[in-house]
């Protein structure tokens, strides 16, 4: 590097500098001596501040000549030299800034290192939600019989922003904007964003999580399940279905209480019909652990009906389909058509799972048994069935009370009489 190339920088003077035959040449400004212009053999000319920082020389890139004027270069040089005077190193700060990951990269780290390895059942939903509300929406054609996916009106694209550039106020604003029309979804978006930052912090990010402290919208736990008066028409209309796949999918969802994704992606290798056991592997389990699910006689009968006459499956999937996954997708349209024919409102496919737990509670099963049946890891997930479990308990208490009253001579076994006086 030559150090004797000094001149008073100006537009004309910079333009007159001839490129070196090879390599690079460095010229210094006589007005601000630490301001330099590096010229390459290809003819590019770039402004730098060159300043000793400890035992090394720091090079702070300011900008390319013509994109940046000499006057602008001098102003930027003075700013950077001011930082050096304070004991800071702008070159180091720029390197650190360049090394900071973007929010999009943080999401991919979270998705690849946490979501997929942990077998989170909603992996596709998490990515779709991220794309629709926070990240970049890919320009993909609409799926068959579906609409082209679009960004939510309140959605943002923070993919290329540095992870430390997202402010708490922006996150709260996003939450409120989504919540104006979809309050529950607004909560899910913030949960995903918070998880992305949580993973980044685990990996060494030292900044704050801007999603913490966002007050979620109130959510009422859904307790819808198939009522007794809905069952006759539901089974009648289901029996009239033309699609065996759909019919069997609905029945297995109802009779096993398994999650929708578990039923759709069930593999024959995990089903033992002789033992009436279905092992749901960790790749589909919500809590990340395998689940051993006992099968009732009706569920076994349905599964046997899906096997060819020789009894050996021709596909690894219980519900094979010509799709990217190899198995069926959520049958949303057929489900809605079924409900319309039944005259049933506000029933979702996931409510089939809740229906099994609800009827278990109604028929006297304990919350522990219900939780075990549905693969709940925590007792909180099963508490929604507690009030349904009260009726069998009440009936038992009533029967015991009646027996005591009868034994005391207060009433006989057939009549209920008002109690007089004290026992």
Protein backbone atom coordinates (compact mmCIF):
# COMPACT_ATOMS: atom_id res chain seq x y z
CA UNK A 1 0.00 0.00 0.00
CA UNK A 2 1.37 3.36 -0.98
CA UNK A 3 1.21 6.06 1.69
CA UNK A 4 2.69 9.04 -0.19
CA UNK A 5 -0.21 9.57 -2.57
CA UNK A 6 -1.68 12.73 -1.12
CA UNK A 7 -3.88 15.34 -2.78
CA UNK A 8 -6.69 17.67 -2.00
CA UNK A 9 -9.79 15.68 -2.88
CA UNK A 10 -12.21 17.14 -5.37
CA UNK A 11 -14.42 15.67 -8.04
CA UNK A 12 -12.00 16.49 -10.83
CA UNK A 13 -8.97 15.29 -8.90
CA UNK A 14 -10.61 11.95 -8.06
CA UNK A 15 -11.69 11.46 -11.68
CA UNK A 16 -8.11 12.05 -12.88
CA UNK A 17 -6.69 9.25 -10.73
CA UNK A 18 -5.68 6.46 -13.10
CA UNK A 19 -6.26 2.85 -12.06
CA UNK A 20 -3.13 0.92 -11.12
CA UNK A 21 -1.87 -1.71 -13.54
CA UNK A 22 -2.73 -4.35 -10.98
CA UNK A 23 -3.93 -4.57 -7.40
CA UNK A 24 -5.07 -1.46 -5.56
CA UNK A 25 -3.73 2.01 -4.82
CA UNK A 26 -4.66 4.27 -1.92
CA UNK A 27 -4.78 8.10 -1.98
CA UNK A 28 -5.19 10.38 1.04
CA UNK A 29 -7.00 13.70 1.37
CA UNK A 30 -4.89 16.64 2.51
CA UNK A 31 -7.93 18.30 4.14
CA UNK A 32 -8.86 15.27 6.31
CA UNK A 33 -5.71 13.13 6.33
CA UNK A 34 -7.50 9.99 7.58
CA UNK A 35 -9.89 10.10 4.62
CA UNK A 36 -8.69 7.84 1.82
CA UNK A 37 -9.78 6.81 -1.66
CA UNK A 38 -8.91 3.27 -2.71
CA UNK A 39 -8.62 2.72 -6.48
CA UNK A 40 -8.63 -0.77 -8.01
CA UNK A 41 -7.23 -2.00 -11.32
CA UNK A 42 -10.82 -2.35 -12.53
CA UNK A 43 -11.33 1.38 -12.01
CA UNK A 44 -13.58 1.37 -8.93
CA UNK A 45 -12.94 4.19 -6.44
CA UNK A 46 -14.15 3.91 -2.83
CA UNK A 47 -13.86 6.26 0.15
CA UNK A 48 -12.55 4.94 3.48
CA UNK A 49 -11.51 6.25 6.85
CA UNK A 50 -8.22 4.62 7.82
CA UNK A 51 -7.32 4.89 11.50
CA UNK A 52 -5.13 2.95 13.86
CA UNK A 53 -7.19 1.09 16.47
CA UNK A 54 -4.88 -0.56 18.97
CA UNK A 55 -2.29 -2.68 17.22
CA UNK A 56 -4.23 -2.85 13.94
CA UNK A 57 -5.38 -0.44 11.26
CA UNK A 58 -9.15 -0.04 11.00
CA UNK A 59 -10.70 0.52 7.58
CA UNK A 60 -14.17 2.02 7.65
CA UNK A 61 -15.88 1.93 4.28
CA UNK A 62 -17.85 5.10 3.58
CA UNK A 63 -19.11 4.69 0.02
CA UNK A 64 -18.26 4.57 -3.67
CA UNK A 65 -17.13 7.68 -5.54
CA UNK A 66 -19.87 9.30 -7.62
CA UNK A 67 -22.52 7.64 -5.43
CA UNK A 68 -20.91 9.65 -2.64
CA UNK A 69 -19.51 13.13 -3.25
CA UNK A 70 -16.22 14.35 -1.79
CA UNK A 71 -18.13 16.64 0.58
CA UNK A 72 -20.30 13.77 1.80
CA UNK A 73 -17.20 11.61 2.27
CA UNK A 74 -15.56 14.30 4.41
CA UNK A 75 -18.70 14.67 6.56
CA UNK A 76 -18.89 10.91 7.11
CA UNK A 77 -15.17 10.77 7.82
CA UNK A 78 -15.50 13.39 10.55
CA UNK A 79 -18.36 11.46 12.15
CA UNK A 80 -16.34 8.26 12.21
CA UNK A 81 -13.22 9.99 13.50
CA UNK A 82 -15.39 11.41 16.26
CA UNK A 83 -16.37 7.85 17.22
CA UNK A 84 -12.72 6.83 17.29
CA UNK A 85 -12.02 9.79 19.58
CA UNK A 86 -14.67 8.48 22.01
CA UNK A 87 -12.90 5.13 22.15
CA UNK A 88 -15.29 3.39 19.76
CA UNK A 89 -14.35 1.48 16.64
CA UNK A 90 -16.82 2.13 13.78
CA UNK A 91 -15.19 -0.59 11.67
CA UNK A 92 -15.80 -3.17 14.37
CA UNK A 93 -19.34 -1.92 14.86
CA UNK A 94 -20.02 -2.30 11.13
CA UNK A 95 -18.65 -5.84 11.14
CA UNK A 96 -20.84 -6.73 14.09
CA UNK A 97 -23.87 -5.16 12.42
CA UNK A 98 -23.18 -7.12 9.25
CA UNK A 99 -22.98 -10.34 11.27
CA UNK A 100 -26.36 -9.78 12.94
CA UNK A 101 -28.99 -12.11 11.58
CA UNK A 102 -32.26 -10.97 10.10
CA UNK A 103 -35.64 -11.84 11.55
CA UNK A 104 -36.18 -14.15 8.60
CA UNK A 105 -32.98 -16.03 9.44
CA UNK A 106 -34.02 -16.20 13.10
CA UNK A 107 -37.33 -17.77 12.07
CA UNK A 108 -35.58 -20.39 9.93
CA UNK A 109 -33.30 -21.22 12.86
CA UNK A 110 -36.34 -21.62 15.11
CA UNK A 111 -38.20 -23.68 12.53
CA UNK A 112 -35.29 -25.98 11.62
CA UNK A 113 -33.85 -26.41 15.11
CA UNK A 114 -37.00 -26.47 17.23
CA UNK A 115 -40.22 -26.99 15.29
CA UNK A 116 -39.20 -29.83 12.99
CA UNK A 117 -36.96 -31.79 15.41
CA UNK A 118 -39.53 -31.52 18.20
CA UNK A 119 -42.25 -32.85 15.94
CA UNK A 120 -44.57 -29.90 16.51
CA UNK A 121 -47.79 -31.00 14.83
CA UNK A 122 -48.60 -27.58 13.41
CA UNK A 123 -45.31 -27.04 11.56
CA UNK A 124 -47.06 -26.20 8.29
CA UNK A 125 -49.50 -23.92 10.09
CA UNK A 126 -46.66 -22.11 11.88
CA UNK A 127 -44.87 -21.40 8.60
CA UNK A 128 -48.11 -20.34 6.90
CA UNK A 129 -48.97 -18.00 9.78
CA UNK A 130 -45.47 -16.51 9.72
CA UNK A 131 -45.69 -15.87 5.99
CA UNK A 132 -49.14 -14.34 6.18
CA UNK A 133 -48.50 -11.99 9.09
CA UNK A 134 -44.76 -11.39 9.63
CA UNK A 135 -42.60 -12.80 6.83
CA UNK A 136 -42.56 -12.90 3.04
CA UNK A 137 -45.54 -14.47 1.32
CA UNK A 138 -44.20 -16.74 -1.45
CA UNK A 139 -45.66 -16.22 -4.90
CA UNK A 140 -47.20 -19.64 -5.30
CA UNK A 141 -50.11 -20.66 -7.51
CA UNK A 142 -53.39 -21.46 -5.83
CA UNK A 143 -53.85 -25.05 -4.78
CA UNK A 144 -56.39 -27.17 -6.58
CA UNK A 145 -59.91 -26.16 -5.50
CA UNK A 146 -58.41 -23.42 -3.33
CA UNK A 147 -57.69 -19.70 -3.36
CA UNK A 148 -54.31 -18.07 -3.82
CA UNK A 149 -52.75 -17.29 -0.47
CA UNK A 150 -52.36 -13.60 0.32
CA UNK A 151 -50.93 -11.42 3.08
CA UNK A 152 -53.35 -10.39 5.78
CA UNK A 153 -54.31 -6.69 5.42
CA UNK A 154 -52.54 -5.98 8.72
CA UNK A 155 -49.59 -8.23 7.90
CA UNK A 156 -46.00 -6.96 7.64
CA UNK A 157 -42.83 -8.25 6.02
CA UNK A 158 -39.98 -8.02 8.50
CA UNK A 159 -37.96 -10.82 6.88
CA UNK A 160 -34.94 -8.71 5.97
CA UNK A 161 -34.87 -6.52 9.06
CA UNK A 162 -32.12 -7.16 11.58
CA UNK A 163 -33.34 -9.03 14.62
CA UNK A 164 -32.49 -6.12 16.93
CA UNK A 165 -34.41 -3.59 14.83
CA UNK A 166 -37.90 -4.76 15.77
CA UNK A 167 -39.32 -2.47 18.44
CA UNK A 168 -41.83 -3.41 21.14
CA UNK A 169 -44.15 -0.66 19.93
CA UNK A 170 -44.21 -2.15 16.44
CA UNK A 171 -45.11 -5.56 17.82
CA UNK A 172 -47.93 -4.14 19.92
CA UNK A 173 -49.22 -2.23 16.90
CA UNK A 174 -49.15 -5.39 14.78
CA UNK A 175 -50.99 -7.33 17.49
CA UNK A 176 -53.68 -4.67 17.72
CA UNK A 177 -54.07 -4.41 13.94
CA UNK A 178 -54.56 -8.15 13.54
CA UNK A 179 -56.72 -8.31 16.64
CA UNK A 180 -59.14 -5.76 15.20
CA UNK A 181 -60.57 -8.58 13.09
CA UNK A 182 -58.94 -11.80 14.36
CA UNK A 183 -58.13 -11.57 18.07
CA UNK A 184 -57.25 -15.24 18.56
CA UNK A 185 -54.96 -15.25 15.53
CA UNK A 186 -53.31 -12.07 16.83
CA UNK A 187 -52.37 -13.99 19.97
CA UNK A 188 -50.97 -16.90 17.93
CA UNK A 189 -48.83 -14.53 15.84
CA UNK A 190 -47.28 -12.98 18.95
CA UNK A 191 -46.66 -16.43 20.42
CA UNK A 192 -44.74 -17.48 17.30
CA UNK A 193 -42.74 -14.25 17.22
CA UNK A 194 -41.89 -14.63 20.90
CA UNK A 195 -40.77 -18.21 20.30
CA UNK A 196 -38.49 -17.08 17.45
CA UNK A 197 -36.78 -14.58 19.73
CA UNK A 198 -36.65 -17.10 22.54
CA UNK A 199 -34.75 -19.48 20.29
CA UNK A 200 -32.41 -16.69 19.17
CA UNK A 201 -31.66 -15.81 22.79
CA UNK A 202 -30.96 -19.48 23.49
CA UNK A 203 -28.47 -19.44 20.61
CA UNK A 204 -26.64 -16.42 22.00
CA UNK A 205 -28.59 -13.31 20.94
CA UNK A 206 -28.17 -10.77 23.73
CA UNK A 207 -30.99 -8.41 22.79
CA UNK A 208 -34.49 -8.21 24.23
CA UNK A 209 -37.56 -10.09 23.09
CA UNK A 210 -39.93 -7.42 21.73
CA UNK A 211 -42.90 -9.79 21.95
CA UNK A 212 -42.77 -10.00 25.74
CA UNK A 213 -45.26 -7.91 27.64
CA UNK A 214 -47.83 -7.83 24.83
CA UNK A 215 -51.17 -8.30 26.57
CA UNK A 216 -53.05 -11.10 24.81
CA UNK A 217 -56.70 -10.89 23.90
CA UNK A 218 -59.00 -12.87 26.16
CA UNK A 219 -59.71 -16.36 24.85
CA UNK A 220 -62.59 -18.54 25.86
CA UNK A 221 -61.69 -22.21 25.74
CA UNK A 222 -63.80 -23.99 23.15
CA UNK A 223 -66.00 -26.73 24.61
CA UNK A 224 -68.09 -27.70 21.58
CA UNK A 225 -68.71 -31.40 21.02
CA UNK A 226 -71.36 -33.55 19.36
CA UNK A 227 -74.52 -33.49 21.43
CA UNK A 228 -76.77 -36.50 21.96
CA UNK A 229 -79.54 -35.06 19.77
CA UNK A 230 -77.03 -34.46 16.94
CA UNK A 231 -75.61 -37.96 16.81
CA UNK A 232 -78.44 -39.75 14.94
CA UNK A 233 -78.51 -37.39 11.95
CA UNK A 234 -74.72 -37.09 11.99
CA UNK A 235 -74.22 -40.84 11.65
CA UNK A 236 -77.02 -41.14 9.11
CA UNK A 237 -75.58 -38.48 6.81
CA UNK A 238 -72.04 -39.78 7.30
CA UNK A 239 -73.19 -43.25 6.23
CA UNK A 240 -74.50 -41.72 3.00
CA UNK A 241 -71.09 -40.24 2.13
CA UNK A 242 -69.70 -41.29 -1.24
CA UNK A 243 -66.07 -41.00 -0.13
CA UNK A 244 -64.87 -43.91 1.97
CA UNK A 245 -61.73 -41.95 2.85
CA UNK A 246 -63.76 -39.10 4.31
CA UNK A 247 -66.17 -41.42 6.09
CA UNK A 248 -63.38 -43.42 7.68
CA UNK A 249 -61.38 -40.29 8.52
CA UNK A 250 -64.31 -38.78 10.42
CA UNK A 251 -65.13 -42.01 12.23
CA UNK A 252 -61.54 -42.66 13.29
CA UNK A 253 -61.19 -39.05 14.46
CA UNK A 254 -64.32 -39.45 16.56
CA UNK A 255 -63.67 -42.97 17.86
CA UNK A 256 -59.98 -42.51 18.72
CA UNK A 257 -59.90 -38.87 19.80
CA UNK A 258 -56.65 -38.50 17.83
CA UNK A 259 -55.63 -35.16 16.42
CA UNK A 260 -56.52 -34.41 12.83
CA UNK A 261 -52.92 -34.53 11.61
CA UNK A 262 -52.37 -37.85 13.40
CA UNK A 263 -55.29 -39.48 11.60
CA UNK A 264 -54.39 -38.02 8.19
CA UNK A 265 -50.75 -39.11 8.49
CA UNK A 266 -51.32 -42.48 10.19
CA UNK A 267 -48.96 -45.24 8.98
CA UNK A 268 -49.73 -48.93 8.89
CA UNK A 269 -46.39 -49.69 10.52
CA UNK A 270 -47.63 -47.95 13.67
CA UNK A 271 -50.92 -49.87 13.82
CA UNK A 272 -51.20 -53.35 15.39
CA UNK A 273 -54.71 -54.60 14.68
CA UNK A 274 -54.18 -57.88 16.53
CA UNK A 275 -53.29 -56.03 19.73
CA UNK A 276 -55.69 -53.17 18.92
CA UNK A 277 -52.91 -50.63 19.52
CA UNK A 278 -51.95 -47.52 17.54
CA UNK A 279 -48.55 -46.04 18.35
CA UNK A 280 -48.56 -42.39 17.34
CA UNK A 281 -44.87 -41.47 16.87
CA UNK A 282 -43.22 -38.33 18.20
CA UNK A 283 -43.16 -36.76 14.73
CA UNK A 284 -46.92 -36.23 15.05
CA UNK A 285 -47.30 -35.85 18.79
CA UNK A 286 -48.09 -32.40 20.14
CA UNK A 287 -46.00 -32.83 23.28
CA UNK A 288 -43.09 -34.37 21.42
CA UNK A 289 -43.49 -37.87 22.83
CA UNK A 290 -44.87 -41.08 21.32
CA UNK A 291 -48.40 -41.99 22.35
CA UNK A 292 -49.76 -45.50 22.74
CA UNK A 293 -53.46 -45.37 21.87
CA UNK A 294 -55.73 -48.37 22.57
CA UNK A 295 -58.23 -48.94 19.76
CA UNK A 296 -61.85 -49.78 20.32
CA UNK A 297 -63.53 -52.60 18.40
CA UNK A 298 -65.23 -50.13 16.03
CA UNK A 299 -61.94 -48.39 15.19
CA UNK A 300 -60.27 -51.75 14.51
CA UNK A 301 -63.16 -52.70 12.24
CA UNK A 302 -62.74 -49.50 10.21
CA UNK A 303 -59.00 -50.01 9.87
CA UNK A 304 -59.48 -53.60 8.73
CA UNK A 305 -61.95 -52.38 6.14
CA UNK A 306 -59.22 -50.17 4.68
CA UNK A 307 -56.96 -53.13 4.02
CA UNK A 308 -57.08 -55.06 0.72
CA UNK A 309 -58.64 -58.54 0.75
CA UNK A 310 -55.24 -60.17 1.22
CA UNK A 311 -54.74 -58.09 4.38
CA UNK A 312 -51.52 -56.37 3.35
CA UNK A 313 -51.46 -52.60 2.73
CA UNK A 314 -50.28 -51.35 -0.66
CA UNK A 315 -49.22 -47.96 0.75
CA UNK A 316 -47.39 -46.98 3.96
CA UNK A 317 -50.25 -44.57 4.68
CA UNK A 318 -53.62 -45.54 6.13
CA UNK A 319 -55.10 -42.68 4.08
CA UNK A 320 -52.91 -42.51 0.94
CA UNK A 321 -53.42 -39.70 -1.55
CA UNK A 322 -51.80 -38.21 -4.62
CA UNK A 323 -50.34 -35.26 -2.75
CA UNK A 324 -47.01 -33.78 -1.73
CA UNK A 325 -47.22 -35.51 1.65
CA UNK A 326 -48.46 -38.82 0.29
CA UNK A 327 -51.54 -38.77 2.52
CA UNK A 328 -54.88 -36.95 2.54
CA UNK A 329 -55.30 -33.27 3.36
CA UNK A 330 -57.92 -31.75 5.69
CA UNK A 331 -61.31 -32.43 4.02
CA UNK A 332 -62.72 -28.98 4.72
CA UNK A 333 -65.31 -28.80 1.93
CA UNK A 334 -66.72 -32.28 2.54
CA UNK A 335 -66.88 -31.48 6.24
CA UNK A 336 -68.88 -28.31 5.63
CA UNK A 337 -71.21 -30.14 3.24
CA UNK A 338 -71.78 -32.83 5.87
CA UNK A 339 -72.67 -30.25 8.51
CA UNK A 340 -75.07 -28.49 6.15
CA UNK A 341 -76.90 -31.74 5.42
CA UNK A 342 -77.05 -32.48 9.14
CA UNK A 343 -78.21 -29.00 10.05
CA UNK A 344 -75.38 -28.77 12.61
CA UNK A 345 -73.70 -25.43 13.28
CA UNK A 346 -70.35 -24.45 14.73
CA UNK A 347 -68.74 -27.90 14.76
CA UNK A 348 -65.13 -28.26 13.68
CA UNK A 349 -63.12 -31.33 12.78
CA UNK A 350 -61.06 -30.84 15.95
CA UNK A 351 -64.32 -31.00 17.93
CA UNK A 352 -64.48 -34.70 17.06
CA UNK A 353 -61.47 -35.16 19.33
CA UNK A 354 -63.14 -33.15 22.05
CA UNK A 355 -66.32 -35.16 21.59
CA UNK A 356 -64.64 -38.38 22.70
CA UNK A 357 -63.28 -36.71 25.82
CA UNK A 358 -66.65 -35.11 26.55
CA UNK A 359 -68.55 -38.37 26.27
CA UNK A 360 -65.92 -40.06 28.43
CA UNK A 361 -66.60 -37.43 31.08
CA UNK A 362 -70.36 -37.76 30.75
CA UNK A 363 -70.15 -41.53 31.21
CA UNK A 364 -68.07 -41.20 34.35
CA UNK A 365 -64.41 -41.43 33.29
CA UNK A 366 -61.93 -39.61 35.49
CA UNK A 367 -59.96 -36.64 34.21
CA UNK A 368 -56.79 -38.70 34.51
CA UNK A 369 -58.21 -41.35 32.17
CA UNK A 370 -59.48 -38.71 29.73
CA UNK A 371 -56.09 -36.99 29.66
CA UNK A 372 -54.36 -40.31 29.05
CA UNK A 373 -56.78 -41.15 26.24
CA UNK A 374 -56.19 -37.83 24.47
CA UNK A 375 -52.44 -37.66 25.07
CA UNK A 376 -52.55 -34.55 27.23
CA UNK A 377 -49.22 -33.81 28.87
CA UNK A 378 -50.59 -31.40 31.47
CA UNK A 379 -53.70 -31.56 33.63
CA UNK A 380 -54.67 -28.06 32.46
CA UNK A 381 -55.46 -29.36 28.97
CA UNK A 382 -58.01 -31.80 30.45
CA UNK A 383 -59.70 -29.37 32.84
CA UNK A 384 -62.21 -28.32 30.18
CA UNK A 385 -63.93 -31.67 30.75
CA UNK A 386 -64.20 -31.18 34.51
CA UNK A 387 -67.70 -29.71 34.45
CA UNK A 388 -68.91 -32.55 32.23
CA UNK A 389 -67.47 -34.99 34.74
CA UNK A 390 -69.71 -33.47 37.42
CA UNK A 391 -72.92 -35.13 36.21
CA UNK A 392 -71.81 -38.74 36.86
CA UNK A 393 -70.42 -37.64 40.21
CA UNK A 394 -73.69 -35.91 41.02
CA UNK A 395 -75.63 -39.01 40.04
CA UNK A 396 -73.41 -41.13 42.28
CA UNK A 397 -73.85 -38.72 45.18
CA UNK A 398 -77.58 -38.66 44.57
CA UNK A 399 -77.79 -42.43 44.63
CA UNK A 400 -75.76 -42.62 47.84
CA UNK A 401 -77.85 -39.88 49.45
CA UNK A 402 -81.08 -41.63 48.48
CA UNK A 403 -79.80 -44.85 49.99
CA UNK A 404 -78.91 -43.09 53.24
CA UNK A 405 -82.27 -41.34 53.39
CA UNK A 406 -84.06 -44.60 52.76
CA UNK A 407 -82.08 -46.34 55.45
CA UNK A 408 -82.92 -43.51 57.84
CA UNK A 409 -86.60 -43.88 57.06
CA UNK A 410 -86.84 -40.36 55.67
CA UNK A 411 -88.06 -41.68 52.27
CA UNK A 412 -88.61 -44.92 50.50
CA UNK A 413 -86.80 -46.07 47.38
CA UNK A 414 -89.51 -44.79 45.03
CA UNK A 415 -90.51 -41.44 46.45
CA UNK A 416 -88.71 -38.20 47.13
CA UNK A 417 -90.25 -36.53 50.19
CA UNK A 418 -89.45 -33.22 51.83
CA UNK A 419 -87.36 -33.72 54.95
CA UNK A 420 -89.09 -32.77 58.22
CA UNK A 421 -87.27 -31.89 61.36
CA UNK A 422 -83.78 -33.08 62.06
CA UNK A 423 -82.22 -36.49 61.69
